[in-house]
Amino acid sequence: MNQYFVYILLCSDNSFYIGVTNNIDRRLYEHSLNSVGYVSKRKPFKLLKSFEFNSITNAIDFEKQIKRWSSAKKKALIKEDWDRLSQLFENSWFDKLTMT
Protein backbone atom coordinates (compact mmCIF):
# COMPACT_ATOMS: atom_id res chain seq x y z
CA MET A 1 0.00 0.00 0.00
CA ASN A 2 1.32 3.43 -0.93
CA GLN A 3 1.84 6.04 1.77
CA TYR A 4 1.81 9.77 1.28
CA PHE A 5 2.47 12.46 3.82
CA VAL A 6 1.48 16.07 4.24
CA TYR A 7 4.06 17.75 6.44
CA ILE A 8 4.39 21.09 8.17
CA LEU A 9 7.77 22.71 8.72
CA LEU A 10 8.54 25.65 10.96
CA CYS A 11 11.11 27.84 9.21
CA SER A 12 13.70 30.08 10.86
CA ASP A 13 11.54 33.17 10.20
CA ASN A 14 8.63 31.50 12.09
CA SER A 15 6.70 30.90 8.87
CA PHE A 16 5.19 27.56 8.00
CA TYR A 17 5.96 25.49 4.95
CA ILE A 18 3.49 22.79 3.96
CA GLY A 19 4.38 20.07 1.50
CA VAL A 20 3.44 16.59 0.35
CA THR A 21 5.74 13.61 -0.21
CA ASN A 22 5.89 9.84 -0.23
CA ASN A 23 9.11 9.81 1.83
CA ILE A 24 9.49 12.34 4.63
CA ASP A 25 13.13 11.57 5.47
CA ARG A 26 14.19 11.97 1.84
CA ARG A 27 12.18 15.17 1.42
CA LEU A 28 13.64 16.76 4.55
CA TYR A 29 17.11 15.86 3.33
CA GLU A 30 16.31 17.46 -0.03
CA HIS A 31 15.09 20.62 1.72
CA SER A 32 18.36 20.76 3.68
CA LEU A 33 20.41 20.52 0.46
CA ASN A 34 18.35 22.78 -1.80
CA SER A 35 19.68 26.23 -2.56
CA VAL A 36 16.48 27.43 -4.22
CA GLY A 37 12.90 27.53 -3.06
CA TYR A 38 10.97 28.79 -0.07
CA VAL A 39 12.68 26.68 2.60
CA SER A 40 16.20 27.28 1.26
CA LYS A 41 16.09 30.92 2.35
CA ARG A 42 14.55 30.09 5.74
CA LYS A 43 16.92 27.51 7.20
CA PRO A 44 17.12 26.00 9.67
CA PHE A 45 13.70 24.41 9.70
CA LYS A 46 11.97 21.95 11.99
CA LEU A 47 9.40 19.27 11.18
CA LEU A 48 6.38 20.04 13.37
CA LYS A 49 3.74 17.63 12.13
CA SER A 50 2.94 15.10 9.47
CA PHE A 51 -0.26 13.42 8.37
CA GLU A 52 -0.40 10.08 6.58
CA PHE A 53 -2.65 9.26 3.62
CA ASN A 54 -3.18 6.19 1.45
CA SER A 55 -4.21 8.31 -1.54
CA ILE A 56 -2.06 10.94 -3.25
CA THR A 57 -5.25 12.77 -4.25
CA ASN A 58 -6.38 13.03 -0.62
CA ALA A 59 -2.92 14.16 0.47
CA ILE A 60 -2.76 16.89 -2.18
CA ASP A 61 -6.29 18.05 -1.37
CA PHE A 62 -5.41 18.32 2.34
CA GLU A 63 -2.15 20.14 1.54
CA LYS A 64 -4.00 22.70 -0.60
CA GLN A 65 -6.65 23.15 2.07
CA ILE A 66 -4.31 23.89 4.98
CA LYS A 67 -2.08 26.12 2.87
CA ARG A 68 -5.02 28.55 2.73
CA TRP A 69 -5.51 28.52 6.50
CA SER A 70 -4.42 31.27 8.85
CA SER A 71 -1.42 30.77 11.13
CA ALA A 72 -3.79 30.40 14.08
CA LYS A 73 -5.57 27.49 12.38
CA LYS A 74 -2.27 25.84 11.45
CA LYS A 75 -1.04 26.17 15.05
CA ALA A 76 -4.25 24.60 16.37
CA LEU A 77 -3.89 21.75 13.88
CA ILE A 78 -0.26 21.16 14.86
CA LYS A 79 -1.25 21.06 18.55
CA GLU A 80 -4.26 18.88 17.71
CA ASP A 81 -6.40 21.43 19.54
CA TRP A 82 -9.67 20.45 17.88
CA ASP A 83 -11.81 22.75 20.03
CA ARG A 84 -9.71 25.78 19.09
CA LEU A 85 -9.66 24.80 15.43
CA SER A 86 -13.44 24.43 15.41
CA GLN A 87 -13.80 27.81 17.11
CA LEU A 88 -11.55 29.46 14.54
CA PHE A 89 -13.65 28.05 11.72
CA GLU A 90 -16.86 29.23 13.37
CA ASN A 91 -15.46 32.75 13.63
CA SER A 92 -14.16 32.95 10.06
CA TRP A 93 -16.54 34.52 7.56
CA PHE A 94 -14.15 33.74 4.67
CA ASP A 95 -14.06 30.05 5.47
CA LYS A 96 -17.84 29.97 5.73
CA LEU A 97 -18.00 31.37 2.22
CA THR A 98 -15.46 28.91 0.81
CA MET A 99 -16.86 25.87 2.63
CA THR A 100 -20.37 26.17 1.14
PDB file of N, CA and C in Angstrom:
ATOM      1  N   MET A   1       0.838  -1.176   0.000  1.00  0.00           N
ATOM      2  CA  MET A   1       0.000   0.000   0.000  1.00  0.00           C
ATOM      3  C   MET A   1       0.891   1.251   0.000  1.00  0.00           C
ATOM      4  N   ASN A   2       0.565   2.189  -0.851  1.00  0.00           N
ATOM      5  CA  ASN A   2       1.319   3.427  -0.934  1.00  0.00           C
ATOM      6  C   ASN A   2       0.997   4.329   0.247  1.00  0.00           C
ATOM      7  N   GLN A   3       2.007   5.073   0.692  1.00  0.00           N
ATOM      8  CA  GLN A   3       1.837   6.039   1.766  1.00  0.00           C
ATOM      9  C   GLN A   3       2.282   7.400   1.269  1.00  0.00           C
ATOM     10  N   TYR A   4       1.494   8.389   1.622  1.00  0.00           N
ATOM     11  CA  TYR A   4       1.809   9.773   1.278  1.00  0.00           C
ATOM     12  C   TYR A   4       1.664  10.598   2.542  1.00  0.00           C
ATOM     13  N   PHE A   5       2.447  11.659   2.614  1.00  0.00           N
ATOM     14  CA  PHE A   5       2.469  12.464   3.817  1.00  0.00           C
ATOM     15  C   PHE A   5       2.328  13.942   3.466  1.00  0.00           C
ATOM     16  N   VAL A   6       1.507  14.618   4.242  1.00  0.00           N
ATOM     17  CA  VAL A   6       1.481  16.073   4.236  1.00  0.00           C
ATOM     18  C   VAL A   6       2.257  16.473   5.477  1.00  0.00           C
ATOM     19  N   TYR A   7       3.212  17.382   5.318  1.00  0.00           N
ATOM     20  CA  TYR A   7       4.065  17.751   6.438  1.00  0.00           C
ATOM     21  C   TYR A   7       4.088  19.263   6.612  1.00  0.00           C
ATOM     22  N   ILE A   8       4.318  19.671   7.841  1.00  0.00           N
ATOM     23  CA  ILE A   8       4.389  21.089   8.174  1.00  0.00           C
ATOM     24  C   ILE A   8       5.751  21.356   8.799  1.00  0.00           C
ATOM     25  N   LEU A   9       6.480  22.282   8.196  1.00  0.00           N
ATOM     26  CA  LEU A   9       7.769  22.715   8.719  1.00  0.00           C
ATOM     27  C   LEU A   9       7.633  24.093   9.353  1.00  0.00           C
ATOM     28  N   LEU A  10       8.375  24.315  10.404  1.00  0.00           N
ATOM     29  CA  LEU A  10       8.536  25.655  10.959  1.00  0.00           C
ATOM     30  C   LEU A  10       9.890  26.158  10.486  1.00  0.00           C
ATOM     31  N   CYS A  11       9.877  27.265   9.758  1.00  0.00           N
ATOM     32  CA  CYS A  11      11.111  27.839   9.212  1.00  0.00           C
ATOM     33  C   CYS A  11      11.723  28.827  10.203  1.00  0.00           C
ATOM     34  N   SER A  12      12.960  29.210   9.950  1.00  0.00           N
ATOM     35  CA  SER A  12      13.702  30.082  10.862  1.00  0.00           C
ATOM     36  C   SER A  12      13.054  31.450  11.037  1.00  0.00           C
ATOM     37  N   ASP A  13      12.228  31.877  10.077  1.00  0.00           N
ATOM     38  CA  ASP A  13      11.537  33.167  10.198  1.00  0.00           C
ATOM     39  C   ASP A  13      10.151  33.009  10.828  1.00  0.00           C
ATOM     40  N   ASN A  14       9.900  31.839  11.433  1.00  0.00           N
ATOM     41  CA  ASN A  14       8.628  31.498  12.088  1.00  0.00           C
ATOM     42  C   ASN A  14       7.466  31.341  11.109  1.00  0.00           C
ATOM     43  N   SER A  15       7.752  31.199   9.845  1.00  0.00           N
ATOM     44  CA  SER A  15       6.700  30.903   8.874  1.00  0.00           C
ATOM     45  C   SER A  15       6.565  29.391   8.759  1.00  0.00           C
ATOM     46  N   PHE A  16       5.439  28.971   8.213  1.00  0.00           N
ATOM     47  CA  PHE A  16       5.191  27.558   8.003  1.00  0.00           C
ATOM     48  C   PHE A  16       5.380  27.218   6.528  1.00  0.00           C
ATOM     49  N   TYR A  17       5.902  26.043   6.298  1.00  0.00           N
ATOM     50  CA  TYR A  17       5.962  25.488   4.947  1.00  0.00           C
ATOM     51  C   TYR A  17       5.192  24.179   4.988  1.00  0.00           C
ATOM     52  N   ILE A  18       4.304  23.992   4.035  1.00  0.00           N
ATOM     53  CA  ILE A  18       3.493  22.790   3.958  1.00  0.00           C
ATOM     54  C   ILE A  18       3.789  22.105   2.638  1.00  0.00           C
ATOM     55  N   GLY A  19       4.064  20.821   2.713  1.00  0.00           N
ATOM     56  CA  GLY A  19       4.375  20.069   1.503  1.00  0.00           C
ATOM     57  C   GLY A  19       3.783  18.675   1.554  1.00  0.00           C
ATOM     58  N   VAL A  20       3.916  17.967   0.454  1.00  0.00           N
ATOM     59  CA  VAL A  20       3.440  16.588   0.352  1.00  0.00           C
ATOM     60  C   VAL A  20       4.560  15.736  -0.241  1.00  0.00           C
ATOM     61  N   THR A  21       4.682  14.506   0.237  1.00  0.00           N
ATOM     62  CA  THR A  21       5.744  13.611  -0.214  1.00  0.00           C
ATOM     63  C   THR A  21       5.338  12.167   0.036  1.00  0.00           C
ATOM     64  N   ASN A  22       6.078  11.250  -0.559  1.00  0.00           N
ATOM     65  CA  ASN A  22       5.886   9.835  -0.231  1.00  0.00           C
ATOM     66  C   ASN A  22       7.028   9.309   0.636  1.00  0.00           C
ATOM     67  N   ASN A  23       7.982  10.202   0.985  1.00  0.00           N
ATOM     68  CA  ASN A  23       9.113   9.809   1.830  1.00  0.00           C
ATOM     69  C   ASN A  23       9.584  11.042   2.607  1.00  0.00           C
ATOM     70  N   ILE A  24       9.183  11.138   3.847  1.00  0.00           N
ATOM     71  CA  ILE A  24       9.492  12.340   4.633  1.00  0.00           C
ATOM     72  C   ILE A  24      10.992  12.522   4.832  1.00  0.00           C
ATOM     73  N   ASP A  25      11.686  11.449   5.219  1.00  0.00           N
ATOM     74  CA  ASP A  25      13.129  11.573   5.467  1.00  0.00           C
ATOM     75  C   ASP A  25      13.867  12.090   4.238  1.00  0.00           C
ATOM     76  N   ARG A  26      13.545  11.515   3.076  1.00  0.00           N
ATOM     77  CA  ARG A  26      14.193  11.966   1.843  1.00  0.00           C
ATOM     78  C   ARG A  26      13.869  13.428   1.555  1.00  0.00           C
ATOM     79  N   ARG A  27      12.604  13.799   1.743  1.00  0.00           N
ATOM     80  CA  ARG A  27      12.184  15.166   1.423  1.00  0.00           C
ATOM     81  C   ARG A  27      12.840  16.177   2.354  1.00  0.00           C
ATOM     82  N   LEU A  28      12.960  15.863   3.624  1.00  0.00           N
ATOM     83  CA  LEU A  28      13.645  16.765   4.552  1.00  0.00           C
ATOM     84  C   LEU A  28      15.119  16.912   4.186  1.00  0.00           C
ATOM     85  N   TYR A  29      15.726  15.816   3.782  1.00  0.00           N
ATOM     86  CA  TYR A  29      17.115  15.860   3.326  1.00  0.00           C
ATOM     87  C   TYR A  29      17.241  16.753   2.089  1.00  0.00           C
ATOM     88  N   GLU A  30      16.300  16.611   1.162  1.00  0.00           N
ATOM     89  CA  GLU A  30      16.312  17.463  -0.033  1.00  0.00           C
ATOM     90  C   GLU A  30      16.151  18.935   0.341  1.00  0.00           C
ATOM     91  N   HIS A  31      15.254  19.229   1.265  1.00  0.00           N
ATOM     92  CA  HIS A  31      15.094  20.618   1.718  1.00  0.00           C
ATOM     93  C   HIS A  31      16.403  21.143   2.304  1.00  0.00           C
ATOM     94  N   SER A  32      17.112  20.304   3.053  1.00  0.00           N
ATOM     95  CA  SER A  32      18.359  20.756   3.681  1.00  0.00           C
ATOM     96  C   SER A  32      19.444  21.029   2.655  1.00  0.00           C
ATOM     97  N   LEU A  33      19.393  20.348   1.503  1.00  0.00           N
ATOM     98  CA  LEU A  33      20.410  20.523   0.463  1.00  0.00           C
ATOM     99  C   LEU A  33      20.068  21.627  -0.537  1.00  0.00           C
ATOM    100  N   ASN A  34      18.775  21.845  -0.753  1.00  0.00           N
ATOM    101  CA  ASN A  34      18.350  22.779  -1.798  1.00  0.00           C
ATOM    102  C   ASN A  34      18.855  24.190  -1.555  1.00  0.00           C
ATOM    103  N   SER A  35      19.247  24.838  -2.638  1.00  0.00           N
ATOM    104  CA  SER A  35      19.681  26.232  -2.555  1.00  0.00           C
ATOM    105  C   SER A  35      18.671  27.174  -3.203  1.00  0.00           C
ATOM    106  N   VAL A  36      17.570  26.631  -3.660  1.00  0.00           N
ATOM    107  CA  VAL A  36      16.484  27.431  -4.218  1.00  0.00           C
ATOM    108  C   VAL A  36      15.178  26.982  -3.579  1.00  0.00           C
ATOM    109  N   GLY A  37      14.197  27.863  -3.609  1.00  0.00           N
ATOM    110  CA  GLY A  37      12.898  27.529  -3.059  1.00  0.00           C
ATOM    111  C   GLY A  37      12.639  28.209  -1.723  1.00  0.00           C
ATOM    112  N   TYR A  38      11.420  28.102  -1.281  1.00  0.00           N
ATOM    113  CA  TYR A  38      10.969  28.792  -0.069  1.00  0.00           C
ATOM    114  C   TYR A  38      11.804  28.418   1.153  1.00  0.00           C
ATOM    115  N   VAL A  39      11.989  27.139   1.393  1.00  0.00           N
ATOM    116  CA  VAL A  39      12.679  26.684   2.601  1.00  0.00           C
ATOM    117  C   VAL A  39      14.164  27.027   2.558  1.00  0.00           C
ATOM    118  N   SER A  40      14.761  27.054   1.379  1.00  0.00           N
ATOM    119  CA  SER A  40      16.202  27.280   1.262  1.00  0.00           C
ATOM    120  C   SER A  40      16.641  28.618   1.853  1.00  0.00           C
ATOM    121  N   LYS A  41      15.759  29.601   1.826  1.00  0.00           N
ATOM    122  CA  LYS A  41      16.092  30.923   2.355  1.00  0.00           C
ATOM    123  C   LYS A  41      15.640  31.097   3.803  1.00  0.00           C
ATOM    124  N   ARG A  42      15.098  30.019   4.388  1.00  0.00           N
ATOM    125  CA  ARG A  42      14.548  30.095   5.741  1.00  0.00           C
ATOM    126  C   ARG A  42      15.062  28.953   6.615  1.00  0.00           C
ATOM    127  N   LYS A  43      16.293  28.556   6.391  1.00  0.00           N
ATOM    128  CA  LYS A  43      16.916  27.514   7.195  1.00  0.00           C
ATOM    129  C   LYS A  43      17.457  28.130   8.478  1.00  0.00           C
ATOM    130  N   PRO A  44      17.531  27.391   9.545  1.00  0.00           N
ATOM    131  CA  PRO A  44      17.121  25.998   9.672  1.00  0.00           C
ATOM    132  C   PRO A  44      15.602  25.881   9.802  1.00  0.00           C
ATOM    133  N   PHE A  45      15.128  24.688   9.588  1.00  0.00           N
ATOM    134  CA  PHE A  45      13.701  24.414   9.703  1.00  0.00           C
ATOM    135  C   PHE A  45      13.521  23.215  10.623  1.00  0.00           C
ATOM    136  N   LYS A  46      12.285  23.044  11.076  1.00  0.00           N
ATOM    137  CA  LYS A  46      11.966  21.946  11.994  1.00  0.00           C
ATOM    138  C   LYS A  46      10.652  21.307  11.549  1.00  0.00           C
ATOM    139  N   LEU A  47      10.630  19.990  11.486  1.00  0.00           N
ATOM    140  CA  LEU A  47       9.396  19.274  11.181  1.00  0.00           C
ATOM    141  C   LEU A  47       8.504  19.336  12.417  1.00  0.00           C
ATOM    142  N   LEU A  48       7.307  19.920  12.253  1.00  0.00           N
ATOM    143  CA  LEU A  48       6.376  20.036  13.367  1.00  0.00           C
ATOM    144  C   LEU A  48       5.327  18.940  13.383  1.00  0.00           C
ATOM    145  N   LYS A  49       4.863  18.556  12.195  1.00  0.00           N
ATOM    146  CA  LYS A  49       3.736  17.627  12.134  1.00  0.00           C
ATOM    147  C   LYS A  49       3.682  16.975  10.772  1.00  0.00           C
ATOM    148  N   SER A  50       3.206  15.749  10.744  1.00  0.00           N
ATOM    149  CA  SER A  50       2.936  15.099   9.466  1.00  0.00           C
ATOM    150  C   SER A  50       1.648  14.297   9.589  1.00  0.00           C
ATOM    151  N   PHE A  51       0.996  14.134   8.464  1.00  0.00           N
ATOM    152  CA  PHE A  51      -0.264  13.417   8.369  1.00  0.00           C
ATOM    153  C   PHE A  51      -0.135  12.393   7.260  1.00  0.00           C
ATOM    154  N   GLU A  52      -0.572  11.177   7.527  1.00  0.00           N
ATOM    155  CA  GLU A  52      -0.401  10.078   6.578  1.00  0.00           C
ATOM    156  C   GLU A  52      -1.696   9.821   5.803  1.00  0.00           C
ATOM    157  N   PHE A  53      -1.534   9.540   4.515  1.00  0.00           N
ATOM    158  CA  PHE A  53      -2.654   9.258   3.619  1.00  0.00           C
ATOM    159  C   PHE A  53      -2.325   8.046   2.769  1.00  0.00           C
ATOM    160  N   ASN A  54      -3.357   7.313   2.367  1.00  0.00           N
ATOM    161  CA  ASN A  54      -3.184   6.190   1.445  1.00  0.00           C
ATOM    162  C   ASN A  54      -3.385   6.609  -0.006  1.00  0.00           C
ATOM    163  N   SER A  55      -3.899   7.817  -0.202  1.00  0.00           N
ATOM    164  CA  SER A  55      -4.207   8.313  -1.539  1.00  0.00           C
ATOM    165  C   SER A  55      -3.465   9.626  -1.789  1.00  0.00           C
ATOM    166  N   ILE A  56      -2.762   9.699  -2.906  1.00  0.00           N
ATOM    167  CA  ILE A  56      -2.062  10.944  -3.248  1.00  0.00           C
ATOM    168  C   ILE A  56      -3.061  12.074  -3.464  1.00  0.00           C
ATOM    169  N   THR A  57      -4.217  11.750  -4.016  1.00  0.00           N
ATOM    170  CA  THR A  57      -5.247  12.768  -4.248  1.00  0.00           C
ATOM    171  C   THR A  57      -5.713  13.373  -2.928  1.00  0.00           C
ATOM    172  N   ASN A  58      -5.969  12.533  -1.933  1.00  0.00           N
ATOM    173  CA  ASN A  58      -6.385  13.035  -0.619  1.00  0.00           C
ATOM    174  C   ASN A  58      -5.282  13.861   0.031  1.00  0.00           C
ATOM    175  N   ALA A  59      -4.046  13.416  -0.112  1.00  0.00           N
ATOM    176  CA  ALA A  59      -2.924  14.163   0.470  1.00  0.00           C
ATOM    177  C   ALA A  59      -2.799  15.544  -0.171  1.00  0.00           C
ATOM    178  N   ILE A  60      -2.879  15.607  -1.475  1.00  0.00           N
ATOM    179  CA  ILE A  60      -2.764  16.893  -2.179  1.00  0.00           C
ATOM    180  C   ILE A  60      -3.934  17.802  -1.829  1.00  0.00           C
ATOM    181  N   ASP A  61      -5.128  17.246  -1.748  1.00  0.00           N
ATOM    182  CA  ASP A  61      -6.294  18.052  -1.367  1.00  0.00           C
ATOM    183  C   ASP A  61      -6.117  18.646   0.028  1.00  0.00           C
ATOM    184  N   PHE A  62      -5.625  17.843   0.970  1.00  0.00           N
ATOM    185  CA  PHE A  62      -5.405  18.324   2.339  1.00  0.00           C
ATOM    186  C   PHE A  62      -4.317  19.396   2.365  1.00  0.00           C
ATOM    187  N   GLU A  63      -3.231  19.162   1.622  1.00  0.00           N
ATOM    188  CA  GLU A  63      -2.149  20.145   1.541  1.00  0.00           C
ATOM    189  C   GLU A  63      -2.682  21.489   1.038  1.00  0.00           C
ATOM    190  N   LYS A  64      -3.447  21.462  -0.033  1.00  0.00           N
ATOM    191  CA  LYS A  64      -4.003  22.700  -0.597  1.00  0.00           C
ATOM    192  C   LYS A  64      -4.927  23.388   0.393  1.00  0.00           C
ATOM    193  N   GLN A  65      -5.703  22.586   1.112  1.00  0.00           N
ATOM    194  CA  GLN A  65      -6.646  23.154   2.071  1.00  0.00           C
ATOM    195  C   GLN A  65      -5.915  23.892   3.188  1.00  0.00           C
ATOM    196  N   ILE A  66      -4.951  23.241   3.826  1.00  0.00           N
ATOM    197  CA  ILE A  66      -4.313  23.887   4.975  1.00  0.00           C
ATOM    198  C   ILE A  66      -3.361  25.004   4.562  1.00  0.00           C
ATOM    199  N   LYS A  67      -2.897  25.004   3.328  1.00  0.00           N
ATOM    200  CA  LYS A  67      -2.076  26.124   2.865  1.00  0.00           C
ATOM    201  C   LYS A  67      -2.863  27.438   2.890  1.00  0.00           C
ATOM    202  N   ARG A  68      -4.181  27.343   2.732  1.00  0.00           N
ATOM    203  CA  ARG A  68      -5.025  28.546   2.735  1.00  0.00           C
ATOM    204  C   ARG A  68      -5.373  29.020   4.145  1.00  0.00           C
ATOM    205  N   TRP A  69      -5.123  28.199   5.129  1.00  0.00           N
ATOM    206  CA  TRP A  69      -5.508  28.521   6.496  1.00  0.00           C
ATOM    207  C   TRP A  69      -4.624  29.608   7.100  1.00  0.00           C
ATOM    208  N   SER A  70      -5.174  30.275   8.085  1.00  0.00           N
ATOM    209  CA  SER A  70      -4.417  31.270   8.854  1.00  0.00           C
ATOM    210  C   SER A  70      -3.375  30.554   9.724  1.00  0.00           C
ATOM    211  N   SER A  71      -2.431  31.332  10.220  1.00  0.00           N
ATOM    212  CA  SER A  71      -1.418  30.768  11.132  1.00  0.00           C
ATOM    213  C   SER A  71      -2.065  30.201  12.384  1.00  0.00           C
ATOM    214  N   ALA A  72      -3.099  30.868  12.874  1.00  0.00           N
ATOM    215  CA  ALA A  72      -3.787  30.397  14.079  1.00  0.00           C
ATOM    216  C   ALA A  72      -4.387  29.010  13.849  1.00  0.00           C
ATOM    217  N   LYS A  73      -4.987  28.796  12.689  1.00  0.00           N
ATOM    218  CA  LYS A  73      -5.567  27.491  12.384  1.00  0.00           C
ATOM    219  C   LYS A  73      -4.473  26.436  12.240  1.00  0.00           C
ATOM    220  N   LYS A  74      -3.375  26.791  11.598  1.00  0.00           N
ATOM    221  CA  LYS A  74      -2.271  25.844  11.450  1.00  0.00           C
ATOM    222  C   LYS A  74      -1.703  25.465  12.815  1.00  0.00           C
ATOM    223  N   LYS A  75      -1.566  26.450  13.703  1.00  0.00           N
ATOM    224  CA  LYS A  75      -1.043  26.170  15.048  1.00  0.00           C
ATOM    225  C   LYS A  75      -1.982  25.243  15.806  1.00  0.00           C
ATOM    226  N   ALA A  76      -3.283  25.470  15.704  1.00  0.00           N
ATOM    227  CA  ALA A  76      -4.252  24.599  16.372  1.00  0.00           C
ATOM    228  C   ALA A  76      -4.180  23.179  15.812  1.00  0.00           C
ATOM    229  N   LEU A  77      -4.022  23.060  14.508  1.00  0.00           N
ATOM    230  CA  LEU A  77      -3.894  21.748  13.882  1.00  0.00           C
ATOM    231  C   LEU A  77      -2.637  21.034  14.371  1.00  0.00           C
ATOM    232  N   ILE A  78      -1.527  21.740  14.407  1.00  0.00           N
ATOM    233  CA  ILE A  78      -0.258  21.164  14.863  1.00  0.00           C
ATOM    234  C   ILE A  78      -0.385  20.660  16.301  1.00  0.00           C
ATOM    235  N   LYS A  79      -1.061  21.431  17.135  1.00  0.00           N
ATOM    236  CA  LYS A  79      -1.253  21.059  18.549  1.00  0.00           C
ATOM    237  C   LYS A  79      -2.387  20.053  18.740  1.00  0.00           C
ATOM    238  N   GLU A  80      -3.084  19.743  17.658  1.00  0.00           N
ATOM    239  CA  GLU A  80      -4.264  18.885  17.710  1.00  0.00           C
ATOM    240  C   GLU A  80      -5.288  19.430  18.698  1.00  0.00           C
ATOM    241  N   ASP A  81      -5.425  20.741  18.696  1.00  0.00           N
ATOM    242  CA  ASP A  81      -6.398  21.426  19.541  1.00  0.00           C
ATOM    243  C   ASP A  81      -7.689  21.575  18.736  1.00  0.00           C
ATOM    244  N   TRP A  82      -8.489  20.515  18.727  1.00  0.00           N
ATOM    245  CA  TRP A  82      -9.666  20.450  17.876  1.00  0.00           C
ATOM    246  C   TRP A  82     -10.726  21.472  18.286  1.00  0.00           C
ATOM    247  N   ASP A  83     -10.837  21.751  19.584  1.00  0.00           N
ATOM    248  CA  ASP A  83     -11.808  22.753  20.034  1.00  0.00           C
ATOM    249  C   ASP A  83     -11.441  24.130  19.497  1.00  0.00           C
ATOM    250  N   ARG A  84     -10.171  24.475  19.594  1.00  0.00           N
ATOM    251  CA  ARG A  84      -9.709  25.778  19.090  1.00  0.00           C
ATOM    252  C   ARG A  84      -9.871  25.861  17.581  1.00  0.00           C
ATOM    253  N   LEU A  85      -9.542  24.808  16.886  1.00  0.00           N
ATOM    254  CA  LEU A  85      -9.664  24.797  15.430  1.00  0.00           C
ATOM    255  C   LEU A  85     -11.124  24.983  15.024  1.00  0.00           C
ATOM    256  N   SER A  86     -12.010  24.289  15.691  1.00  0.00           N
ATOM    257  CA  SER A  86     -13.441  24.427  15.414  1.00  0.00           C
ATOM    258  C   SER A  86     -13.902  25.858  15.674  1.00  0.00           C
ATOM    259  N   GLN A  87     -13.444  26.427  16.766  1.00  0.00           N
ATOM    260  CA  GLN A  87     -13.804  27.810  17.112  1.00  0.00           C
ATOM    261  C   GLN A  87     -13.296  28.786  16.052  1.00  0.00           C
ATOM    262  N   LEU A  88     -12.102  28.583  15.570  1.00  0.00           N
ATOM    263  CA  LEU A  88     -11.546  29.460  14.542  1.00  0.00           C
ATOM    264  C   LEU A  88     -12.356  29.381  13.253  1.00  0.00           C
ATOM    265  N   PHE A  89     -12.810  28.189  12.904  1.00  0.00           N
ATOM    266  CA  PHE A  89     -13.647  28.049  11.717  1.00  0.00           C
ATOM    267  C   PHE A  89     -14.999  28.709  11.907  1.00  0.00           C
ATOM    268  N   GLU A  90     -15.564  28.604  13.097  1.00  0.00           N
ATOM    269  CA  GLU A  90     -16.861  29.231  13.372  1.00  0.00           C
ATOM    270  C   GLU A  90     -16.783  30.742  13.274  1.00  0.00           C
ATOM    271  N   ASN A  91     -15.630  31.298  13.603  1.00  0.00           N
ATOM    272  CA  ASN A  91     -15.459  32.750  13.627  1.00  0.00           C
ATOM    273  C   ASN A  91     -14.935  33.325  12.318  1.00  0.00           C
ATOM    274  N   SER A  92     -14.768  32.502  11.315  1.00  0.00           N
ATOM    275  CA  SER A  92     -14.159  32.950  10.061  1.00  0.00           C
ATOM    276  C   SER A  92     -15.208  33.080   8.964  1.00  0.00           C
ATOM    277  N   TRP A  93     -15.541  34.296   8.608  1.00  0.00           N
ATOM    278  CA  TRP A  93     -16.537  34.516   7.556  1.00  0.00           C
ATOM    279  C   TRP A  93     -16.015  34.032   6.201  1.00  0.00           C
ATOM    280  N   PHE A  94     -14.709  34.176   5.953  1.00  0.00           N
ATOM    281  CA  PHE A  94     -14.145  33.739   4.673  1.00  0.00           C
ATOM    282  C   PHE A  94     -14.286  32.236   4.512  1.00  0.00           C
ATOM    283  N   ASP A  95     -13.957  31.492   5.564  1.00  0.00           N
ATOM    284  CA  ASP A  95     -14.059  30.049   5.475  1.00  0.00           C
ATOM    285  C   ASP A  95     -15.497  29.595   5.321  1.00  0.00           C
ATOM    286  N   LYS A  96     -16.421  30.310   5.921  1.00  0.00           N
ATOM    287  CA  LYS A  96     -17.837  29.967   5.733  1.00  0.00           C
ATOM    288  C   LYS A  96     -18.240  30.133   4.279  1.00  0.00           C
ATOM    289  N   LEU A  97     -17.691  31.159   3.629  1.00  0.00           N
ATOM    290  CA  LEU A  97     -18.003  31.373   2.220  1.00  0.00           C
ATOM    291  C   LEU A  97     -17.388  30.288   1.353  1.00  0.00           C
ATOM    292  N   THR A  98     -16.156  29.883   1.653  1.00  0.00           N
ATOM    293  CA  THR A  98     -15.464  28.912   0.813  1.00  0.00           C
ATOM    294  C   THR A  98     -15.874  27.484   1.108  1.00  0.00           C
ATOM    295  N   MET A  99     -16.466  27.217   2.263  1.00  0.00           N
ATOM    296  CA  MET A  99     -16.862  25.871   2.630  1.00  0.00           C
ATOM    297  C   MET A  99     -18.227  25.496   2.056  1.00  0.00           C
ATOM    298  N   THR A 100     -19.019  26.480   1.630  1.00  0.00           N
ATOM    299  CA  THR A 100     -20.366  26.174   1.139  1.00  0.00           C
ATOM    300  C   THR A 100     -20.364  25.966  -0.353  1.00  0.00           C
TER     301      THR A 100
END
